[in-house]
Amino acid sequence: MSTTTTTTAAPISPAERCDRCGARAVIRALLPGGGDLVFCAHHGRMHAKELRAVAAEIRDDEGVLGAP
């Protein structure tokens, strides 16, 4: 399992909230069209496979996508 972390994706602010549930976001997926999605650890892990398939870049500020 590999995790992509780049410097072009902006750091996630503590004020940013998961697009699914409103919890604190820790993962930002930059989409090829320029938009982004942010997820909490739970939803980031839940959607990890799909995110890796479609995201141009993924910033994982807490390493949750690399966790078992």
Protein backbone atom coordinates (compact mmCIF):
# COMPACT_ATOMS: atom_id res chain seq x y z
CA MET A 1 0.00 0.00 0.00
CA SER A 2 1.54 3.31 -1.04
CA THR A 3 0.65 6.81 0.04
CA THR A 4 1.31 9.88 -2.05
CA THR A 5 2.30 13.01 -0.17
CA THR A 6 3.30 16.07 -2.12
CA THR A 7 4.00 19.68 -1.38
CA THR A 8 1.54 21.09 -3.95
CA ALA A 9 -1.52 20.06 -1.94
CA ALA A 10 -2.18 22.66 0.72
CA PRO A 11 -1.84 21.59 4.34
CA ILE A 12 -5.15 20.78 5.96
CA SER A 13 -6.28 23.41 8.42
CA PRO A 14 -7.75 22.28 11.77
CA ALA A 15 -10.87 24.19 10.72
CA GLU A 16 -11.45 22.03 7.62
CA ARG A 17 -14.15 19.40 7.91
CA CYS A 18 -14.74 16.04 6.25
CA ASP A 19 -16.89 16.28 3.13
CA ARG A 20 -18.86 13.22 4.31
CA CYS A 21 -19.50 13.71 8.03
CA GLY A 22 -18.17 17.04 9.24
CA ALA A 23 -15.40 15.61 11.46
CA ARG A 24 -11.93 17.20 11.39
CA ALA A 25 -10.32 16.53 8.00
CA VAL A 26 -6.87 14.90 7.74
CA ILE A 27 -6.79 13.84 4.06
CA ARG A 28 -6.96 16.06 0.98
CA ALA A 29 -7.37 14.51 -2.47
CA LEU A 30 -6.62 16.85 -5.35
CA LEU A 31 -8.66 15.95 -8.41
CA PRO A 32 -7.38 16.23 -11.99
CA GLY A 33 -9.87 19.01 -12.75
CA GLY A 34 -8.47 21.19 -9.97
CA GLY A 35 -11.03 20.55 -7.22
CA ASP A 36 -10.34 18.76 -4.00
CA LEU A 37 -12.03 16.51 -1.48
CA VAL A 38 -11.22 16.42 2.23
CA PHE A 39 -11.94 13.51 4.54
CA CYS A 40 -11.59 12.50 8.17
CA ALA A 41 -9.45 9.45 8.93
CA HIS A 42 -12.47 7.12 8.95
CA HIS A 43 -13.82 8.19 5.56
CA GLY A 44 -10.32 8.51 4.11
CA ARG A 45 -9.65 4.84 4.90
CA MET A 46 -13.11 3.86 3.69
CA HIS A 47 -12.57 5.52 0.31
CA ALA A 48 -8.78 5.01 0.00
CA LYS A 49 -8.92 2.67 -3.00
CA GLU A 50 -11.23 4.97 -4.94
CA LEU A 51 -9.24 8.07 -4.01
CA ARG A 52 -6.00 6.52 -5.23
CA ALA A 53 -7.68 5.62 -8.52
CA VAL A 54 -8.96 9.13 -9.30
CA ALA A 55 -6.86 11.67 -7.38
CA ALA A 56 -4.03 13.52 -9.04
CA GLU A 57 -2.42 13.92 -5.60
CA ILE A 58 -3.24 12.91 -2.04
CA ARG A 59 -2.06 14.69 1.08
CA ASP A 60 -2.40 12.53 4.18
CA ASP A 61 -1.48 14.74 7.15
CA GLU A 62 -1.76 11.95 9.73
CA GLY A 63 -0.57 8.92 7.75
CA VAL A 64 -3.94 7.17 7.92
CA LEU A 65 -3.80 5.78 4.39
CA GLY A 66 -0.58 3.99 5.25
CA ALA A 67 -2.05 2.45 8.42
CA PRO A 68 -3.28 -1.16 8.32
